[in-house]
Amino acid sequence: MGLVEGSIAVKAVIDSKYRTVKNIYLNKEKKSSDITYILKQAQIKNIRVEKVAKEVIDRLSKGKTHGGIIAEVSDRKMQSVISILKKDKPFIVLLEGVEDSFNLGYIFRTLYAFGCDGIILKERYIDYDDSTIIKSSAGASELLPIVYSDDLAETISILKNNGIVVVSAFRGNQPVNLYDYDFSNQGLLICIGGPLRGLSGVVLENSDSFIYIPYKNNFRNALNAASATSVIASEIYRQNRGR
């Protein structure tokens, strides 16, 4: 059980297939089109709404950007790796070492926008705040299937056995220029590492191909994971937009 704050986050969890909203606490003086939508959906879904004084919201919330509304929600239901293989040729992303809640939210937002069908994370070792992720992803984190894996080798093996090609963003091992790689007409697992540790050996050893993002300037510092994800996901969408 946890709390999410702000109208964007509350709208997202109400619409999510992966959580149950237990209660909503609303500043009794707050009015907006988002609040009207939330109240309507809460009535449809029999979610309890308690209208309270602003001071109550301030006391319950963790931050100052709650906008007068918070929701008490269940823990998120995670998906199995098989559940994200429903499409014939899915676009799946494996993220390793992205430990900042804001960056993770930005990545989810980008991936949802460009048609990602599921995200794989290594276990739930990240001590992140759900509300921050939901807000920074503009609610996209509640719409994306997420799989937590405690055995990446096994998870990748399952994907490969289902026809998924594993491509890692890694400048070693003779990588192919992102814009020369053919992402079209195949199921994909794109592996992207965080800024400190990058991708683990088990992921690199089980990769079929490697790609890199070319730079116009002689710039040795890599893009951060959120920026790299945007560039890669955009190119994958460009190549497959007619599919």
C-alpha atoms as a PDB file:
ATOM      1  CA  MET A   1       0.000   0.000   0.000  1.00  0.00           C
ATOM      2  CA  GLY A   2       1.258   3.487  -0.828  1.00  0.00           C
ATOM      3  CA  LEU A   3       0.304   7.054  -1.697  1.00  0.00           C
ATOM      4  CA  VAL A   4       0.472   8.855  -5.021  1.00  0.00           C
ATOM      5  CA  GLU A   5       0.160  12.608  -5.256  1.00  0.00           C
ATOM      6  CA  GLY A   6      -1.142  15.075  -7.832  1.00  0.00           C
ATOM      7  CA  SER A   7      -3.939  14.946 -10.360  1.00  0.00           C
ATOM      8  CA  ILE A   8      -1.777  13.425 -13.137  1.00  0.00           C
ATOM      9  CA  ALA A   9      -0.687  10.579 -10.873  1.00  0.00           C
ATOM     10  CA  VAL A  10      -4.167   9.996  -9.477  1.00  0.00           C
ATOM     11  CA  LYS A  11      -5.713   9.931 -12.962  1.00  0.00           C
ATOM     12  CA  ALA A  12      -3.058   7.435 -14.032  1.00  0.00           C
ATOM     13  CA  VAL A  13      -3.645   4.995 -11.180  1.00  0.00           C
ATOM     14  CA  ILE A  14      -7.415   5.180 -11.646  1.00  0.00           C
ATOM     15  CA  ASP A  15      -6.978   4.211 -15.304  1.00  0.00           C
ATOM     16  CA  SER A  16      -4.260   1.623 -14.604  1.00  0.00           C
ATOM     17  CA  LYS A  17      -4.827  -2.104 -15.078  1.00  0.00           C
ATOM     18  CA  TYR A  18      -2.072  -2.824 -12.590  1.00  0.00           C
ATOM     19  CA  ARG A  19      -3.275  -1.199  -9.352  1.00  0.00           C
ATOM     20  CA  THR A  20      -6.309  -0.860  -7.124  1.00  0.00           C
ATOM     21  CA  VAL A  21      -7.173   2.579  -5.774  1.00  0.00           C
ATOM     22  CA  LYS A  22      -8.391   2.289  -2.192  1.00  0.00           C
ATOM     23  CA  ASN A  23      -9.169   5.897  -1.243  1.00  0.00           C
ATOM     24  CA  ILE A  24      -8.834   9.395  -2.656  1.00  0.00           C
ATOM     25  CA  TYR A  25      -8.293  12.441  -0.442  1.00  0.00           C
ATOM     26  CA  LEU A  26      -9.260  15.732  -2.070  1.00  0.00           C
ATOM     27  CA  ASN A  27      -8.910  19.306  -0.923  1.00  0.00           C
ATOM     28  CA  LYS A  28     -12.560  20.299  -0.574  1.00  0.00           C
ATOM     29  CA  GLU A  29     -11.839  23.676  -2.193  1.00  0.00           C
ATOM     30  CA  LYS A  30     -10.086  22.235  -5.230  1.00  0.00           C
ATOM     31  CA  LYS A  31     -11.846  22.379  -8.616  1.00  0.00           C
ATOM     32  CA  SER A  32     -10.564  21.674 -12.121  1.00  0.00           C
ATOM     33  CA  SER A  33     -11.345  19.610 -15.203  1.00  0.00           C
ATOM     34  CA  ASP A  34      -8.942  16.938 -13.922  1.00  0.00           C
ATOM     35  CA  ILE A  35     -10.749  16.815 -10.584  1.00  0.00           C
ATOM     36  CA  THR A  36     -14.091  16.499 -12.372  1.00  0.00           C
ATOM     37  CA  TYR A  37     -12.739  13.562 -14.376  1.00  0.00           C
ATOM     38  CA  ILE A  38     -11.302  11.900 -11.268  1.00  0.00           C
ATOM     39  CA  LEU A  39     -14.571  12.265  -9.350  1.00  0.00           C
ATOM     40  CA  LYS A  40     -16.554  10.816 -12.233  1.00  0.00           C
ATOM     41  CA  GLN A  41     -14.235   7.814 -12.587  1.00  0.00           C
ATOM     42  CA  ALA A  42     -14.181   7.284  -8.840  1.00  0.00           C
ATOM     43  CA  GLN A  43     -17.977   7.116  -8.822  1.00  0.00           C
ATOM     44  CA  ILE A  44     -18.001   4.641 -11.720  1.00  0.00           C
ATOM     45  CA  LYS A  45     -15.398   2.427 -10.028  1.00  0.00           C
ATOM     46  CA  ASN A  46     -16.794   2.757  -6.502  1.00  0.00           C
ATOM     47  CA  ILE A  47     -13.667   4.407  -5.143  1.00  0.00           C
ATOM     48  CA  ARG A  48     -14.131   6.235  -1.862  1.00  0.00           C
ATOM     49  CA  VAL A  49     -13.448   9.989  -2.061  1.00  0.00           C
ATOM     50  CA  GLU A  50     -12.970  12.004   1.099  1.00  0.00           C
ATOM     51  CA  LYS A  51     -13.097  15.779   0.774  1.00  0.00           C
ATOM     52  CA  VAL A  52     -10.908  17.303   3.438  1.00  0.00           C
ATOM     53  CA  ALA A  53      -9.185  20.551   4.418  1.00  0.00           C
ATOM     54  CA  LYS A  54      -5.915  21.490   2.687  1.00  0.00           C
ATOM     55  CA  GLU A  55      -4.073  20.931   5.971  1.00  0.00           C
ATOM     56  CA  VAL A  56      -5.052  17.259   5.938  1.00  0.00           C
ATOM     57  CA  ILE A  57      -3.611  16.814   2.438  1.00  0.00           C
ATOM     58  CA  ASP A  58      -0.418  18.598   3.497  1.00  0.00           C
ATOM     59  CA  ARG A  59      -0.056  16.286   6.478  1.00  0.00           C
ATOM     60  CA  LEU A  60      -0.634  13.080   4.510  1.00  0.00           C
ATOM     61  CA  SER A  61       1.541  13.926   1.519  1.00  0.00           C
ATOM     62  CA  LYS A  62       5.313  13.551   1.227  1.00  0.00           C
ATOM     63  CA  GLY A  63       5.916  16.532  -1.042  1.00  0.00           C
ATOM     64  CA  LYS A  64       4.536  19.971  -1.819  1.00  0.00           C
ATOM     65  CA  THR A  65       3.372  19.309  -5.383  1.00  0.00           C
ATOM     66  CA  HIS A  66       0.277  17.275  -4.550  1.00  0.00           C
ATOM     67  CA  GLY A  67      -2.050  19.869  -6.066  1.00  0.00           C
ATOM     68  CA  GLY A  68      -4.676  19.160  -3.425  1.00  0.00           C
ATOM     69  CA  ILE A  69      -5.236  15.487  -4.197  1.00  0.00           C
ATOM     70  CA  ILE A  70      -3.668  12.197  -3.136  1.00  0.00           C
ATOM     71  CA  ALA A  71      -4.693   8.572  -3.519  1.00  0.00           C
ATOM     72  CA  GLU A  72      -4.075   5.496  -1.413  1.00  0.00           C
ATOM     73  CA  VAL A  73      -3.229   2.643  -3.780  1.00  0.00           C
ATOM     74  CA  SER A  74      -2.234  -1.013  -3.754  1.00  0.00           C
ATOM     75  CA  ASP A  75       1.228  -2.142  -4.764  1.00  0.00           C
ATOM     76  CA  ARG A  76       1.593  -2.497  -8.500  1.00  0.00           C
ATOM     77  CA  LYS A  77       0.944  -5.905 -10.037  1.00  0.00           C
ATOM     78  CA  MET A  78       3.915  -7.009 -12.095  1.00  0.00           C
ATOM     79  CA  GLN A  79       3.689  -8.990 -15.307  1.00  0.00           C
ATOM     80  CA  SER A  80       5.393 -12.196 -16.418  1.00  0.00           C
ATOM     81  CA  VAL A  81       7.794 -12.231 -19.346  1.00  0.00           C
ATOM     82  CA  ILE A  82       5.363 -14.417 -21.305  1.00  0.00           C
ATOM     83  CA  SER A  83       2.609 -11.813 -20.889  1.00  0.00           C
ATOM     84  CA  ILE A  84       4.582  -9.225 -22.902  1.00  0.00           C
ATOM     85  CA  LEU A  85       4.899 -11.584 -25.862  1.00  0.00           C
ATOM     86  CA  LYS A  86       1.293 -11.269 -26.980  1.00  0.00           C
ATOM     87  CA  LYS A  87       2.208  -9.295 -30.091  1.00  0.00           C
ATOM     88  CA  ASP A  88       3.751 -11.096 -33.036  1.00  0.00           C
ATOM     89  CA  LYS A  89       6.828  -8.838 -33.092  1.00  0.00           C
ATOM     90  CA  PRO A  90       6.946  -6.852 -29.850  1.00  0.00           C
ATOM     91  CA  PHE A  91       9.268  -3.975 -28.951  1.00  0.00           C
ATOM     92  CA  ILE A  92      10.589  -4.672 -25.440  1.00  0.00           C
ATOM     93  CA  VAL A  93      13.221  -2.752 -23.451  1.00  0.00           C
ATOM     94  CA  LEU A  94      15.505  -4.023 -20.697  1.00  0.00           C
ATOM     95  CA  LEU A  95      16.818  -1.322 -18.358  1.00  0.00           C
ATOM     96  CA  GLU A  96      19.736  -1.834 -15.991  1.00  0.00           C
ATOM     97  CA  GLY A  97      21.179   0.554 -13.437  1.00  0.00           C
ATOM     98  CA  VAL A  98      18.719   3.431 -13.827  1.00  0.00           C
ATOM     99  CA  GLU A  99      18.260   4.263 -10.157  1.00  0.00           C
ATOM    100  CA  ASP A 100      16.855   7.788 -10.207  1.00  0.00           C
ATOM    101  CA  SER A 101      13.066   8.025  -9.975  1.00  0.00           C
ATOM    102  CA  PHE A 102      12.814  11.055 -12.258  1.00  0.00           C
ATOM    103  CA  ASN A 103      14.994   9.491 -14.977  1.00  0.00           C
ATOM    104  CA  LEU A 104      13.077   6.236 -14.808  1.00  0.00           C
ATOM    105  CA  GLY A 105       9.844   8.182 -15.227  1.00  0.00           C
ATOM    106  CA  TYR A 106      11.215  10.115 -18.205  1.00  0.00           C
ATOM    107  CA  ILE A 107      12.277   6.837 -19.827  1.00  0.00           C
ATOM    108  CA  PHE A 108       8.853   5.260 -19.296  1.00  0.00           C
ATOM    109  CA  ARG A 109       7.214   8.334 -20.806  1.00  0.00           C
ATOM    110  CA  THR A 110       9.410   8.156 -23.917  1.00  0.00           C
ATOM    111  CA  LEU A 111       8.999   4.417 -24.375  1.00  0.00           C
ATOM    112  CA  TYR A 112       5.221   4.549 -24.090  1.00  0.00           C
ATOM    113  CA  ALA A 113       5.096   7.417 -26.605  1.00  0.00           C
ATOM    114  CA  PHE A 114       7.134   5.425 -29.145  1.00  0.00           C
ATOM    115  CA  GLY A 115       5.153   2.203 -28.788  1.00  0.00           C
ATOM    116  CA  CYS A 116       7.134   0.033 -26.385  1.00  0.00           C
ATOM    117  CA  ASP A 117       5.233  -3.143 -25.494  1.00  0.00           C
ATOM    118  CA  GLY A 118       6.915  -3.902 -22.164  1.00  0.00           C
ATOM    119  CA  ILE A 119       9.843  -3.126 -19.878  1.00  0.00           C
ATOM    120  CA  ILE A 120      12.121  -5.538 -18.030  1.00  0.00           C
ATOM    121  CA  LEU A 121      13.933  -4.431 -14.865  1.00  0.00           C
ATOM    122  CA  LYS A 122      16.431  -6.447 -12.835  1.00  0.00           C
ATOM    123  CA  GLU A 123      14.577  -7.324  -9.655  1.00  0.00           C
ATOM    124  CA  ARG A 124      13.135  -4.555  -7.522  1.00  0.00           C
ATOM    125  CA  TYR A 125      16.354  -3.376  -5.963  1.00  0.00           C
ATOM    126  CA  ILE A 126      15.660   0.284  -6.720  1.00  0.00           C
ATOM    127  CA  ASP A 127      14.338   2.257  -3.762  1.00  0.00           C
ATOM    128  CA  TYR A 128      12.246   4.593  -5.868  1.00  0.00           C
ATOM    129  CA  ASP A 129       9.125   6.566  -5.231  1.00  0.00           C
ATOM    130  CA  ASP A 130       6.101   5.469  -7.256  1.00  0.00           C
ATOM    131  CA  SER A 131       4.477   8.889  -7.130  1.00  0.00           C
ATOM    132  CA  THR A 132       7.592  10.591  -8.545  1.00  0.00           C
ATOM    133  CA  ILE A 133       7.845   8.048 -11.353  1.00  0.00           C
ATOM    134  CA  ILE A 134       4.161   8.363 -12.228  1.00  0.00           C
ATOM    135  CA  LYS A 135       4.367  12.159 -12.339  1.00  0.00           C
ATOM    136  CA  SER A 136       7.640  12.358 -14.292  1.00  0.00           C
ATOM    137  CA  SER A 137       6.276   9.816 -16.774  1.00  0.00           C
ATOM    138  CA  ALA A 138       3.031  11.824 -17.116  1.00  0.00           C
ATOM    139  CA  GLY A 139       1.182   8.654 -16.131  1.00  0.00           C
ATOM    140  CA  ALA A 140       2.825   6.438 -18.770  1.00  0.00           C
ATOM    141  CA  SER A 141       4.415   4.196 -16.123  1.00  0.00           C
ATOM    142  CA  GLU A 142       0.934   2.954 -15.178  1.00  0.00           C
ATOM    143  CA  LEU A 143       0.137   2.009 -18.778  1.00  0.00           C
ATOM    144  CA  LEU A 144       3.282   0.008 -19.572  1.00  0.00           C
ATOM    145  CA  PRO A 145       3.648  -3.672 -18.668  1.00  0.00           C
ATOM    146  CA  ILE A 146       6.650  -4.086 -16.331  1.00  0.00           C
ATOM    147  CA  VAL A 147       8.464  -7.348 -15.620  1.00  0.00           C
ATOM    148  CA  TYR A 148      10.895  -7.747 -12.716  1.00  0.00           C
ATOM    149  CA  SER A 149      13.489 -10.423 -13.387  1.00  0.00           C
ATOM    150  CA  ASP A 150      15.755 -12.054 -10.791  1.00  0.00           C
ATOM    151  CA  ASP A 151      17.487 -14.077 -13.517  1.00  0.00           C
ATOM    152  CA  LEU A 152      18.236 -12.022 -16.621  1.00  0.00           C
ATOM    153  CA  ALA A 153      19.918 -14.919 -18.426  1.00  0.00           C
ATOM    154  CA  GLU A 154      16.775 -17.026 -18.107  1.00  0.00           C
ATOM    155  CA  THR A 155      14.512 -14.118 -19.054  1.00  0.00           C
ATOM    156  CA  ILE A 156      16.560 -13.345 -22.167  1.00  0.00           C
ATOM    157  CA  SER A 157      16.596 -17.040 -23.069  1.00  0.00           C
ATOM    158  CA  ILE A 158      12.789 -17.157 -22.932  1.00  0.00           C
ATOM    159  CA  LEU A 159      12.600 -14.131 -25.218  1.00  0.00           C
ATOM    160  CA  LYS A 160      15.107 -15.576 -27.697  1.00  0.00           C
ATOM    161  CA  ASN A 161      13.197 -18.862 -27.794  1.00  0.00           C
ATOM    162  CA  ASN A 162      10.167 -16.809 -28.824  1.00  0.00           C
ATOM    163  CA  GLY A 163      11.946 -15.192 -31.762  1.00  0.00           C
ATOM    164  CA  ILE A 164      13.085 -11.986 -30.057  1.00  0.00           C
ATOM    165  CA  VAL A 165      16.365 -10.431 -31.246  1.00  0.00           C
ATOM    166  CA  VAL A 166      18.495  -9.008 -28.407  1.00  0.00           C
ATOM    167  CA  VAL A 167      20.229  -5.705 -29.233  1.00  0.00           C
ATOM    168  CA  SER A 168      22.352  -3.876 -26.652  1.00  0.00           C
ATOM    169  CA  ALA A 169      23.365  -0.224 -26.682  1.00  0.00           C
ATOM    170  CA  PHE A 170      27.090  -0.782 -26.155  1.00  0.00           C
ATOM    171  CA  ARG A 171      30.125   0.674 -27.927  1.00  0.00           C
ATOM    172  CA  GLY A 172      32.286  -2.438 -27.548  1.00  0.00           C
ATOM    173  CA  ASN A 173      32.018  -5.689 -29.523  1.00  0.00           C
ATOM    174  CA  GLN A 174      31.957  -4.088 -33.001  1.00  0.00           C
ATOM    175  CA  PRO A 175      28.714  -2.128 -32.654  1.00  0.00           C
ATOM    176  CA  VAL A 176      26.620  -0.996 -35.621  1.00  0.00           C
ATOM    177  CA  ASN A 177      25.693   2.643 -36.136  1.00  0.00           C
ATOM    178  CA  LEU A 178      22.117   3.063 -34.855  1.00  0.00           C
ATOM    179  CA  TYR A 179      20.993   4.490 -38.198  1.00  0.00           C
ATOM    180  CA  ASP A 180      22.486   1.604 -40.168  1.00  0.00           C
ATOM    181  CA  TYR A 181      20.826  -1.121 -38.099  1.00  0.00           C
ATOM    182  CA  ASP A 182      17.622  -2.658 -39.470  1.00  0.00           C
ATOM    183  CA  PHE A 183      15.076  -2.787 -36.627  1.00  0.00           C
ATOM    184  CA  SER A 184      12.152  -3.448 -38.919  1.00  0.00           C
ATOM    185  CA  ASN A 185      10.001  -6.545 -39.103  1.00  0.00           C
ATOM    186  CA  GLN A 186      11.354  -8.361 -36.046  1.00  0.00           C
ATOM    187  CA  GLY A 187      10.631  -8.739 -32.354  1.00  0.00           C
ATOM    188  CA  LEU A 188      13.153  -6.705 -30.353  1.00  0.00           C
ATOM    189  CA  LEU A 189      14.666  -6.586 -26.897  1.00  0.00           C
ATOM    190  CA  ILE A 190      16.652  -3.359 -26.639  1.00  0.00           C
ATOM    191  CA  CYS A 191      19.030  -3.311 -23.650  1.00  0.00           C
ATOM    192  CA  ILE A 192      20.039   0.057 -22.178  1.00  0.00           C
ATOM    193  CA  GLY A 193      22.312   0.594 -19.170  1.00  0.00           C
ATOM    194  CA  GLY A 194      22.464   3.357 -16.588  1.00  0.00           C
ATOM    195  CA  PRO A 195      25.291   5.891 -16.220  1.00  0.00           C
ATOM    196  CA  LEU A 196      27.333   4.219 -13.467  1.00  0.00           C
ATOM    197  CA  ARG A 197      27.499   0.498 -14.185  1.00  0.00           C
ATOM    198  CA  GLY A 198      26.053   0.194 -17.681  1.00  0.00           C
ATOM    199  CA  LEU A 199      24.893  -3.223 -18.858  1.00  0.00           C
ATOM    200  CA  SER A 200      25.930  -6.323 -16.944  1.00  0.00           C
ATOM    201  CA  GLY A 201      28.071  -9.094 -18.394  1.00  0.00           C
ATOM    202  CA  VAL A 202      25.156 -11.510 -18.509  1.00  0.00           C
ATOM    203  CA  VAL A 203      23.211  -9.148 -20.778  1.00  0.00           C
ATOM    204  CA  LEU A 204      26.168  -8.450 -23.067  1.00  0.00           C
ATOM    205  CA  GLU A 205      27.032 -12.152 -23.334  1.00  0.00           C
ATOM    206  CA  ASN A 206      23.488 -12.962 -24.417  1.00  0.00           C
ATOM    207  CA  SER A 207      23.152 -10.120 -26.933  1.00  0.00           C
ATOM    208  CA  ASP A 208      22.809 -10.847 -30.642  1.00  0.00           C
ATOM    209  CA  SER A 209      23.985  -7.409 -31.798  1.00  0.00           C
ATOM    210  CA  PHE A 210      25.318  -4.109 -30.490  1.00  0.00           C
ATOM    211  CA  ILE A 211      24.485  -0.577 -31.549  1.00  0.00           C
ATOM    212  CA  TYR A 212      25.843   2.879 -30.812  1.00  0.00           C
ATOM    213  CA  ILE A 213      24.528   6.407 -31.261  1.00  0.00           C
ATOM    214  CA  PRO A 214      26.807   8.442 -33.552  1.00  0.00           C
ATOM    215  CA  TYR A 215      27.702  11.982 -32.496  1.00  0.00           C
ATOM    216  CA  LYS A 216      28.260  14.941 -34.789  1.00  0.00           C
ATOM    217  CA  ASN A 217      30.962  16.354 -32.520  1.00  0.00           C
ATOM    218  CA  ASN A 218      33.941  14.503 -31.076  1.00  0.00           C
ATOM    219  CA  PHE A 219      32.230  13.972 -27.725  1.00  0.00           C
ATOM    220  CA  ARG A 220      33.497  11.206 -25.469  1.00  0.00           C
ATOM    221  CA  ASN A 221      30.845  11.447 -22.804  1.00  0.00           C
ATOM    222  CA  ALA A 222      27.817   9.241 -23.429  1.00  0.00           C
ATOM    223  CA  LEU A 223      24.264  10.508 -23.417  1.00  0.00           C
ATOM    224  CA  ASN A 224      22.429   9.674 -20.234  1.00  0.00           C
ATOM    225  CA  ALA A 225      20.041   6.720 -20.273  1.00  0.00           C
ATOM    226  CA  ALA A 226      16.931   8.872 -20.719  1.00  0.00           C
ATOM    227  CA  SER A 227      18.395  10.744 -23.709  1.00  0.00           C
ATOM    228  CA  ALA A 228      19.794   7.585 -25.294  1.00  0.00           C
ATOM    229  CA  THR A 229      16.436   5.862 -24.906  1.00  0.00           C
ATOM    230  CA  SER A 230      14.714   8.746 -26.701  1.00  0.00           C
ATOM    231  CA  VAL A 231      17.096   8.568 -29.656  1.00  0.00           C
ATOM    232  CA  ILE A 232      16.915   4.781 -29.992  1.00  0.00           C
ATOM    233  CA  ALA A 233      13.154   4.468 -29.493  1.00  0.00           C
ATOM    234  CA  SER A 234      12.525   7.241 -32.016  1.00  0.00           C
ATOM    235  CA  GLU A 235      14.579   5.435 -34.666  1.00  0.00           C
ATOM    236  CA  ILE A 236      12.830   2.127 -33.986  1.00  0.00           C
ATOM    237  CA  TYR A 237       9.462   3.836 -34.376  1.00  0.00           C
ATOM    238  CA  ARG A 238      10.614   5.562 -37.575  1.00  0.00           C
ATOM    239  CA  GLN A 239      11.588   2.257 -39.149  1.00  0.00           C
ATOM    240  CA  ASN A 240       8.435   0.460 -38.052  1.00  0.00           C
ATOM    241  CA  ARG A 241       5.820   3.217 -38.260  1.00  0.00           C
ATOM    242  CA  GLY A 242       4.043   1.581 -41.177  1.00  0.00           C
ATOM    243  CA  ARG A 243       3.774  -1.751 -39.418  1.00  0.00           C
END
